[in-house]
Amino acid sequence: ATVVDALRRLFALDPAEQRTTPLQIVRGLVAAP
């Protein structure tokens, strides 16, 4: 849920304001395991 929310926020931004990539966000999933 946290990653999906972060991806939605990223995709809602103007491209010039996107300071990360979807892969960087998805990589945050490893914190839980």
Full PDB file with SEQRES, HELIX, SHEET, SSBOND, CRYST1, ORIGX, SCALE, CONECT and MASTER records, all heavy atoms in Angstrom:
SEQRES   1 A   33  ALA THR VAL VAL ASP ALA LEU ARG ARG LEU PHE ALA LEU          
SEQRES   2 A   33  ASP PRO ALA GLU GLN ARG THR THR PRO LEU GLN ILE VAL          
SEQRES   3 A   33  ARG GLY LEU VAL ALA ALA PRO                                  
HELIX    1 AA1 THR A    2  ALA A   12  1                                  11    
HELIX    2 AA2 PRO A   15  GLU A   17  5                                   3    
HELIX    3 AA3 PRO A   22  VAL A   26  1                                   5    
HELIX    4 AA4 ARG A   27  ALA A   31  5                                   5    
CRYST1    1.000    1.000    1.000  90.00  90.00  90.00 P 1           1          
ORIGX1      1.000000  0.000000  0.000000        0.00000                         
ORIGX2      0.000000  1.000000  0.000000        0.00000                         
ORIGX3      0.000000  0.000000  1.000000        0.00000                         
SCALE1      1.000000  0.000000  0.000000        0.00000                         
SCALE2      0.000000  1.000000  0.000000        0.00000                         
SCALE3      0.000000  0.000000  1.000000        0.00000                         
ATOM      1  N   ALA A   1       0.827  -1.210   0.000  1.00  0.00           N  
ATOM      2  CA  ALA A   1       0.000   0.000   0.000  1.00  0.00           C  
ATOM      3  C   ALA A   1       0.863   1.262   0.000  1.00  0.00           C  
ATOM      4  O   ALA A   1       0.560   2.228  -0.706  1.00  0.00           O  
ATOM      5  CB  ALA A   1      -0.945  -0.009   1.200  1.00  0.00           C  
ATOM      6  N   THR A   2       1.930   1.253   0.764  1.00  0.00           N  
ATOM      7  CA  THR A   2       2.842   2.396   0.806  1.00  0.00           C  
ATOM      8  C   THR A   2       3.484   2.631  -0.551  1.00  0.00           C  
ATOM      9  O   THR A   2       3.571   3.769  -1.029  1.00  0.00           O  
ATOM     10  CB  THR A   2       3.925   2.174   1.883  1.00  0.00           C  
ATOM     11  OG1 THR A   2       3.280   2.076   3.152  1.00  0.00           O  
ATOM     12  CG2 THR A   2       4.953   3.288   1.900  1.00  0.00           C  
ATOM     13  N   VAL A   3       3.930   1.563  -1.186  1.00  0.00           N  
ATOM     14  CA  VAL A   3       4.578   1.693  -2.500  1.00  0.00           C  
ATOM     15  C   VAL A   3       3.572   2.133  -3.557  1.00  0.00           C  
ATOM     16  O   VAL A   3       3.868   3.004  -4.383  1.00  0.00           O  
ATOM     17  CB  VAL A   3       5.288   0.375  -2.892  1.00  0.00           C  
ATOM     18  CG1 VAL A   3       5.696   0.373  -4.354  1.00  0.00           C  
ATOM     19  CG2 VAL A   3       6.507   0.179  -1.999  1.00  0.00           C  
ATOM     20  N   VAL A   4       2.386   1.570  -3.542  1.00  0.00           N  
ATOM     21  CA  VAL A   4       1.359   1.970  -4.509  1.00  0.00           C  
ATOM     22  C   VAL A   4       1.026   3.446  -4.329  1.00  0.00           C  
ATOM     23  O   VAL A   4       0.916   4.192  -5.315  1.00  0.00           O  
ATOM     24  CB  VAL A   4       0.101   1.083  -4.379  1.00  0.00           C  
ATOM     25  CG1 VAL A   4      -1.071   1.669  -5.150  1.00  0.00           C  
ATOM     26  CG2 VAL A   4       0.406  -0.328  -4.870  1.00  0.00           C  
ATOM     27  N   ASP A   5       0.898   3.897  -3.096  1.00  0.00           N  
ATOM     28  CA  ASP A   5       0.620   5.309  -2.836  1.00  0.00           C  
ATOM     29  C   ASP A   5       1.760   6.189  -3.359  1.00  0.00           C  
ATOM     30  O   ASP A   5       1.516   7.229  -3.989  1.00  0.00           O  
ATOM     31  CB  ASP A   5       0.401   5.534  -1.339  1.00  0.00           C  
ATOM     32  CG  ASP A   5       0.031   6.957  -1.017  1.00  0.00           C  
ATOM     33  OD1 ASP A   5      -0.947   7.475  -1.605  1.00  0.00           O  
ATOM     34  OD2 ASP A   5       0.729   7.570  -0.179  1.00  0.00           O  
ATOM     35  N   ALA A   6       2.996   5.783  -3.116  1.00  0.00           N  
ATOM     36  CA  ALA A   6       4.144   6.563  -3.591  1.00  0.00           C  
ATOM     37  C   ALA A   6       4.197   6.588  -5.115  1.00  0.00           C  
ATOM     38  O   ALA A   6       4.527   7.622  -5.711  1.00  0.00           O  
ATOM     39  CB  ALA A   6       5.440   5.989  -3.020  1.00  0.00           C  
ATOM     40  N   LEU A   7       3.861   5.475  -5.764  1.00  0.00           N  
ATOM     41  CA  LEU A   7       3.826   5.452  -7.230  1.00  0.00           C  
ATOM     42  C   LEU A   7       2.730   6.368  -7.761  1.00  0.00           C  
ATOM     43  O   LEU A   7       2.948   7.111  -8.728  1.00  0.00           O  
ATOM     44  CB  LEU A   7       3.615   4.023  -7.737  1.00  0.00           C  
ATOM     45  CG  LEU A   7       4.814   3.089  -7.610  1.00  0.00           C  
ATOM     46  CD1 LEU A   7       4.412   1.654  -7.890  1.00  0.00           C  
ATOM     47  CD2 LEU A   7       5.957   3.534  -8.519  1.00  0.00           C  
ATOM     48  N   ARG A   8       1.582   6.354  -7.130  1.00  0.00           N  
ATOM     49  CA  ARG A   8       0.495   7.249  -7.558  1.00  0.00           C  
ATOM     50  C   ARG A   8       0.904   8.706  -7.426  1.00  0.00           C  
ATOM     51  O   ARG A   8       0.615   9.522  -8.304  1.00  0.00           O  
ATOM     52  CB  ARG A   8      -0.776   6.958  -6.751  1.00  0.00           C  
ATOM     53  CG  ARG A   8      -1.460   5.690  -7.179  1.00  0.00           C  
ATOM     54  CD  ARG A   8      -2.800   5.517  -6.488  1.00  0.00           C  
ATOM     55  NE  ARG A   8      -3.448   4.338  -7.012  1.00  0.00           N  
ATOM     56  CZ  ARG A   8      -4.036   3.417  -6.269  1.00  0.00           C  
ATOM     57  NH1 ARG A   8      -4.102   3.558  -4.956  1.00  0.00           N  
ATOM     58  NH2 ARG A   8      -4.588   2.362  -6.824  1.00  0.00           N  
ATOM     59  N   ARG A   9       1.559   9.031  -6.327  1.00  0.00           N  
ATOM     60  CA  ARG A   9       2.022  10.416  -6.143  1.00  0.00           C  
ATOM     61  C   ARG A   9       3.053  10.786  -7.212  1.00  0.00           C  
ATOM     62  O   ARG A   9       3.018  11.893  -7.752  1.00  0.00           O  
ATOM     63  CB  ARG A   9       2.602  10.615  -4.741  1.00  0.00           C  
ATOM     64  CG  ARG A   9       1.544  10.680  -3.652  1.00  0.00           C  
ATOM     65  CD  ARG A   9       2.095  11.197  -2.323  1.00  0.00           C  
ATOM     66  NE  ARG A   9       3.362  10.609  -1.931  1.00  0.00           N  
ATOM     67  CZ  ARG A   9       3.490   9.506  -1.200  1.00  0.00           C  
ATOM     68  NH1 ARG A   9       2.423   8.861  -0.766  1.00  0.00           N  
ATOM     69  NH2 ARG A   9       4.686   9.056  -0.870  1.00  0.00           N  
ATOM     70  N   LEU A  10       3.958   9.872  -7.513  1.00  0.00           N  
ATOM     71  CA  LEU A  10       4.964  10.131  -8.550  1.00  0.00           C  
ATOM     72  C   LEU A  10       4.298  10.391  -9.894  1.00  0.00           C  
ATOM     73  O   LEU A  10       4.605  11.364 -10.580  1.00  0.00           O  
ATOM     74  CB  LEU A  10       5.933   8.949  -8.675  1.00  0.00           C  
ATOM     75  CG  LEU A  10       6.945   9.054  -9.822  1.00  0.00           C  
ATOM     76  CD1 LEU A  10       7.965  10.149  -9.543  1.00  0.00           C  
ATOM     77  CD2 LEU A  10       7.629   7.719 -10.050  1.00  0.00           C  
ATOM     78  N   PHE A  11       3.363   9.521 -10.279  1.00  0.00           N  
ATOM     79  CA  PHE A  11       2.728   9.644 -11.586  1.00  0.00           C  
ATOM     80  C   PHE A  11       1.800  10.853 -11.669  1.00  0.00           C  
ATOM     81  O   PHE A  11       1.506  11.324 -12.758  1.00  0.00           O  
ATOM     82  CB  PHE A  11       1.984   8.363 -11.950  1.00  0.00           C  
ATOM     83  CG  PHE A  11       2.894   7.165 -12.074  1.00  0.00           C  
ATOM     84  CD1 PHE A  11       2.472   5.921 -11.639  1.00  0.00           C  
ATOM     85  CD2 PHE A  11       4.163   7.269 -12.603  1.00  0.00           C  
ATOM     86  CE1 PHE A  11       3.296   4.809 -11.750  1.00  0.00           C  
ATOM     87  CE2 PHE A  11       5.000   6.170 -12.717  1.00  0.00           C  
ATOM     88  CZ  PHE A  11       4.560   4.938 -12.296  1.00  0.00           C  
ATOM     89  N   ALA A  12       1.365  11.368 -10.527  1.00  0.00           N  
ATOM     90  CA  ALA A  12       0.517  12.562 -10.525  1.00  0.00           C  
ATOM     91  C   ALA A  12       1.338  13.838 -10.704  1.00  0.00           C  
ATOM     92  O   ALA A  12       0.780  14.879 -11.049  1.00  0.00           O  
ATOM     93  CB  ALA A  12      -0.284  12.640  -9.223  1.00  0.00           C  
ATOM     94  N   LEU A  13       2.636  13.752 -10.476  1.00  0.00           N  
ATOM     95  CA  LEU A  13       3.501  14.915 -10.623  1.00  0.00           C  
ATOM     96  C   LEU A  13       3.750  15.238 -12.088  1.00  0.00           C  
ATOM     97  O   LEU A  13       3.764  14.352 -12.943  1.00  0.00           O  
ATOM     98  CB  LEU A  13       4.861  14.658  -9.956  1.00  0.00           C  
ATOM     99  CG  LEU A  13       4.907  14.603  -8.447  1.00  0.00           C  
ATOM    100  CD1 LEU A  13       6.297  14.170  -7.992  1.00  0.00           C  
ATOM    101  CD2 LEU A  13       4.547  15.951  -7.851  1.00  0.00           C  
ATOM    102  N   ASP A  14       4.004  16.495 -12.328  1.00  0.00           N  
ATOM    103  CA  ASP A  14       4.481  16.906 -13.630  1.00  0.00           C  
ATOM    104  C   ASP A  14       5.827  16.211 -13.865  1.00  0.00           C  
ATOM    105  O   ASP A  14       6.618  16.067 -12.927  1.00  0.00           O  
ATOM    106  CB  ASP A  14       4.658  18.434 -13.625  1.00  0.00           C  
ATOM    107  CG  ASP A  14       5.109  18.940 -14.954  1.00  0.00           C  
ATOM    108  OD1 ASP A  14       6.341  18.968 -15.178  1.00  0.00           O  
ATOM    109  OD2 ASP A  14       4.247  19.308 -15.773  1.00  0.00           O  
ATOM    110  N   PRO A  15       6.110  15.772 -15.089  1.00  0.00           N  
ATOM    111  CA  PRO A  15       7.389  15.084 -15.333  1.00  0.00           C  
ATOM    112  C   PRO A  15       8.622  15.872 -14.878  1.00  0.00           C  
ATOM    113  O   PRO A  15       9.587  15.284 -14.404  1.00  0.00           O  
ATOM    114  CB  PRO A  15       7.400  14.869 -16.849  1.00  0.00           C  
ATOM    115  CG  PRO A  15       5.963  14.812 -17.218  1.00  0.00           C  
ATOM    116  CD  PRO A  15       5.266  15.773 -16.286  1.00  0.00           C  
ATOM    117  N   ALA A  16       8.578  17.179 -14.982  1.00  0.00           N  
ATOM    118  CA  ALA A  16       9.720  17.988 -14.563  1.00  0.00           C  
ATOM    119  C   ALA A  16       9.919  17.961 -13.049  1.00  0.00           C  
ATOM    120  O   ALA A  16      11.009  18.273 -12.560  1.00  0.00           O  
ATOM    121  CB  ALA A  16       9.537  19.427 -15.041  1.00  0.00           C  
ATOM    122  N   GLU A  17       8.897  17.580 -12.313  1.00  0.00           N  
ATOM    123  CA  GLU A  17       8.973  17.537 -10.854  1.00  0.00           C  
ATOM    124  C   GLU A  17       9.276  16.141 -10.317  1.00  0.00           C  
ATOM    125  O   GLU A  17       9.453  15.966  -9.118  1.00  0.00           O  
ATOM    126  CB  GLU A  17       7.657  18.047 -10.252  1.00  0.00           C  
ATOM    127  CG  GLU A  17       7.318  19.472 -10.647  1.00  0.00           C  
ATOM    128  CD  GLU A  17       8.387  20.465 -10.229  1.00  0.00           C  
ATOM    129  OE1 GLU A  17       8.895  20.342  -9.100  1.00  0.00           O  
ATOM    130  OE2 GLU A  17       8.711  21.352 -11.033  1.00  0.00           O  
ATOM    131  N   GLN A  18       9.322  15.143 -11.163  1.00  0.00           N  
ATOM    132  CA  GLN A  18       9.576  13.771 -10.726  1.00  0.00           C  
ATOM    133  C   GLN A  18      11.066  13.617 -10.421  1.00  0.00           C  
ATOM    134  O   GLN A  18      11.897  13.693 -11.320  1.00  0.00           O  
ATOM    135  CB  GLN A  18       9.130  12.781 -11.798  1.00  0.00           C  
ATOM    136  CG  GLN A  18       7.641  12.806 -12.030  1.00  0.00           C  
ATOM    137  CD  GLN A  18       7.196  11.933 -13.182  1.00  0.00           C  
ATOM    138  OE1 GLN A  18       8.001  11.411 -13.955  1.00  0.00           O  
ATOM    139  NE2 GLN A  18       5.888  11.755 -13.297  1.00  0.00           N  
ATOM    140  N   ARG A  19      11.384  13.413  -9.163  1.00  0.00           N  
ATOM    141  CA  ARG A  19      12.785  13.337  -8.733  1.00  0.00           C  
ATOM    142  C   ARG A  19      13.246  11.916  -8.438  1.00  0.00           C  
ATOM    143  O   ARG A  19      14.335  11.707  -7.918  1.00  0.00           O  
ATOM    144  CB  ARG A  19      12.999  14.204  -7.493  1.00  0.00           C  
ATOM    145  CG  ARG A  19      12.649  15.651  -7.686  1.00  0.00           C  
ATOM    146  CD  ARG A  19      13.677  16.330  -8.566  1.00  0.00           C  
ATOM    147  NE  ARG A  19      13.358  17.739  -8.720  1.00  0.00           N  
ATOM    148  CZ  ARG A  19      13.107  18.305  -9.897  1.00  0.00           C  
ATOM    149  NH1 ARG A  19      13.148  17.600 -10.999  1.00  0.00           N  
ATOM    150  NH2 ARG A  19      12.818  19.581  -9.963  1.00  0.00           N  
ATOM    151  N   THR A  20      12.417  10.956  -8.722  1.00  0.00           N  
ATOM    152  CA  THR A  20      12.762   9.553  -8.487  1.00  0.00           C  
ATOM    153  C   THR A  20      12.191   8.743  -9.636  1.00  0.00           C  
ATOM    154  O   THR A  20      11.543   9.285 -10.523  1.00  0.00           O  
ATOM    155  CB  THR A  20      12.229   9.082  -7.116  1.00  0.00           C  
ATOM    156  OG1 THR A  20      12.775   7.796  -6.816  1.00  0.00           O  
ATOM    157  CG2 THR A  20      10.716   9.026  -7.087  1.00  0.00           C  
ATOM    158  N   THR A  21      12.437   7.455  -9.623  1.00  0.00           N  
ATOM    159  CA  THR A  21      11.895   6.574 -10.653  1.00  0.00           C  
ATOM    160  C   THR A  21      10.957   5.562 -10.008  1.00  0.00           C  
ATOM    161  O   THR A  21      11.047   5.303  -8.794  1.00  0.00           O  
ATOM    162  CB  THR A  21      13.012   5.798 -11.382  1.00  0.00           C  
ATOM    163  OG1 THR A  21      13.572   4.834 -10.478  1.00  0.00           O  
ATOM    164  CG2 THR A  21      14.100   6.725 -11.908  1.00  0.00           C  
ATOM    165  N   PRO A  22      10.084   4.968 -10.811  1.00  0.00           N  
ATOM    166  CA  PRO A  22       9.236   3.902 -10.258  1.00  0.00           C  
ATOM    167  C   PRO A  22      10.063   2.770  -9.638  1.00  0.00           C  
ATOM    168  O   PRO A  22       9.697   2.249  -8.575  1.00  0.00           O  
ATOM    169  CB  PRO A  22       8.437   3.419 -11.465  1.00  0.00           C  
ATOM    170  CG  PRO A  22       8.405   4.599 -12.393  1.00  0.00           C  
ATOM    171  CD  PRO A  22       9.732   5.283 -12.206  1.00  0.00           C  
ATOM    172  N   LEU A  23      11.173   2.420 -10.253  1.00  0.00           N  
ATOM    173  CA  LEU A  23      11.991   1.330  -9.703  1.00  0.00           C  
ATOM    174  C   LEU A  23      12.559   1.706  -8.346  1.00  0.00           C  
ATOM    175  O   LEU A  23      12.578   0.875  -7.427  1.00  0.00           O  
ATOM    176  CB  LEU A  23      13.117   0.959 -10.672  1.00  0.00           C  
ATOM    177  CG  LEU A  23      14.026  -0.190 -10.230  1.00  0.00           C  
ATOM    178  CD1 LEU A  23      13.226  -1.466  -9.955  1.00  0.00           C  
ATOM    179  CD2 LEU A  23      15.106  -0.441 -11.275  1.00  0.00           C  
ATOM    180  N   GLN A  24      12.988   2.942  -8.178  1.00  0.00           N  
ATOM    181  CA  GLN A  24      13.494   3.354  -6.867  1.00  0.00           C  
ATOM    182  C   GLN A  24      12.405   3.235  -5.803  1.00  0.00           C  
ATOM    183  O   GLN A  24      12.685   2.825  -4.673  1.00  0.00           O  
ATOM    184  CB  GLN A  24      14.022   4.782  -6.929  1.00  0.00           C  
ATOM    185  CG  GLN A  24      15.337   4.894  -7.675  1.00  0.00           C  
ATOM    186  CD  GLN A  24      15.740   6.335  -7.891  1.00  0.00           C  
ATOM    187  OE1 GLN A  24      14.978   7.125  -8.429  1.00  0.00           O  
ATOM    188  NE2 GLN A  24      16.935   6.674  -7.463  1.00  0.00           N  
ATOM    189  N   ILE A  25      11.200   3.584  -6.166  1.00  0.00           N  
ATOM    190  CA  ILE A  25      10.088   3.467  -5.213  1.00  0.00           C  
ATOM    191  C   ILE A  25       9.811   2.003  -4.892  1.00  0.00           C  
ATOM    192  O   ILE A  25       9.679   1.619  -3.727  1.00  0.00           O  
ATOM    193  CB  ILE A  25       8.836   4.176  -5.758  1.00  0.00           C  
ATOM    194  CG1 ILE A  25       9.071   5.687  -5.779  1.00  0.00           C  
ATOM    195  CG2 ILE A  25       7.597   3.818  -4.934  1.00  0.00           C  
ATOM    196  CD1 ILE A  25       8.007   6.479  -6.486  1.00  0.00           C  
ATOM    197  N   VAL A  26       9.742   1.167  -5.912  1.00  0.00           N  
ATOM    198  CA  VAL A  26       9.465  -0.258  -5.715  1.00  0.00           C  
ATOM    199  C   VAL A  26      10.543  -0.899  -4.844  1.00  0.00           C  
ATOM    200  O   VAL A  26      10.247  -1.788  -4.038  1.00  0.00           O  
ATOM    201  CB  VAL A  26       9.336  -0.971  -7.080  1.00  0.00           C  
ATOM    202  CG1 VAL A  26       9.370  -2.475  -6.936  1.00  0.00           C  
ATOM    203  CG2 VAL A  26       8.050  -0.527  -7.778  1.00  0.00           C  
ATOM    204  N   ARG A  27      11.756  -0.435  -4.987  1.00  0.00           N  
ATOM    205  CA  ARG A  27      12.836  -0.996  -4.167  1.00  0.00           C  
ATOM    206  C   ARG A  27      12.600  -0.799  -2.673  1.00  0.00           C  
ATOM    207  O   ARG A  27      13.172  -1.508  -1.855  1.00  0.00           O  
ATOM    208  CB  ARG A  27      14.171  -0.404  -4.597  1.00  0.00           C  
ATOM    209  CG  ARG A  27      14.652  -0.986  -5.904  1.00  0.00           C  
ATOM    210  CD  ARG A  27      15.929  -0.351  -6.376  1.00  0.00           C  
ATOM    211  NE  ARG A  27      16.440  -1.081  -7.532  1.00  0.00           N  
ATOM    212  CZ  ARG A  27      17.304  -0.575  -8.402  1.00  0.00           C  
ATOM    213  NH1 ARG A  27      17.771   0.655  -8.229  1.00  0.00           N  
ATOM    214  NH2 ARG A  27      17.715  -1.305  -9.421  1.00  0.00           N  
ATOM    215  N   GLY A  28      11.741   0.136  -2.316  1.00  0.00           N  
ATOM    216  CA  GLY A  28      11.405   0.334  -0.911  1.00  0.00           C  
ATOM    217  C   GLY A  28      10.676  -0.849  -0.295  1.00  0.00           C  
ATOM    218  O   GLY A  28      10.584  -0.965   0.929  1.00  0.00           O  
ATOM    219  N   LEU A  29      10.157  -1.719  -1.146  1.00  0.00           N  
ATOM    220  CA  LEU A  29       9.456  -2.906  -0.640  1.00  0.00           C  
ATOM    221  C   LEU A  29      10.345  -3.811   0.202  1.00  0.00           C  
ATOM    222  O   LEU A  29       9.846  -4.573   1.027  1.00  0.00           O  
ATOM    223  CB  LEU A  29       8.885  -3.729  -1.804  1.00  0.00           C  
ATOM    224  CG  LEU A  29       7.619  -3.223  -2.455  1.00  0.00           C  
ATOM    225  CD1 LEU A  29       7.310  -4.012  -3.719  1.00  0.00           C  
ATOM    226  CD2 LEU A  29       6.451  -3.306  -1.487  1.00  0.00           C  
ATOM    227  N   VAL A  30      11.644  -3.750   0.003  1.00  0.00           N  
ATOM    228  CA  VAL A  30      12.528  -4.680   0.724  1.00  0.00           C  
ATOM    229  C   VAL A  30      12.621  -4.386   2.215  1.00  0.00           C  
ATOM    230  O   VAL A  30      13.073  -5.235   2.972  1.00  0.00           O  
ATOM    231  CB  VAL A  30      13.941  -4.746   0.096  1.00  0.00           C  
ATOM    232  CG1 VAL A  30      13.866  -5.135  -1.365  1.00  0.00           C  
ATOM    233  CG2 VAL A  30      14.697  -3.470   0.291  1.00  0.00           C  
ATOM    234  N   ALA A  31      12.195  -3.210   2.634  1.00  0.00           N  
ATOM    235  CA  ALA A  31      12.288  -2.884   4.061  1.00  0.00           C  
ATOM    236  C   ALA A  31      11.477  -3.851   4.919  1.00  0.00           C  
ATOM    237  O   ALA A  31      11.927  -4.265   6.001  1.00  0.00           O  
ATOM    238  CB  ALA A  31      11.837  -1.447   4.306  1.00  0.00           C  
ATOM    239  N   ALA A  32      10.284  -4.222   4.457  1.00  0.00           N  
ATOM    240  CA  ALA A  32       9.426  -5.103   5.256  1.00  0.00           C  
ATOM    241  C   ALA A  32      10.024  -6.498   5.435  1.00  0.00           C  
ATOM    242  O   ALA A  32      10.164  -6.962   6.581  1.00  0.00           O  
ATOM    243  CB  ALA A  32       8.027  -5.177   4.644  1.00  0.00           C  
ATOM    244  N   PRO A  33      10.401  -7.202   4.359  1.00  0.00           N  
ATOM    245  CA  PRO A  33      10.990  -8.527   4.594  1.00  0.00           C  
ATOM    246  C   PRO A  33      12.343  -8.454   5.298  1.00  0.00           C  
ATOM    247  O   PRO A  33      12.694  -9.368   6.047  1.00  0.00           O  
ATOM    248  CB  PRO A  33      11.113  -9.129   3.193  1.00  0.00           C  
ATOM    249  CG  PRO A  33      11.037  -7.986   2.254  1.00  0.00           C  
ATOM    250  CD  PRO A  33      10.221  -6.938   2.934  1.00  0.00           C  
TER     251      PRO A  33                                                      
MASTER        0    0    0    4    0    0    0    6  250    1    0    3          
END                                                                             
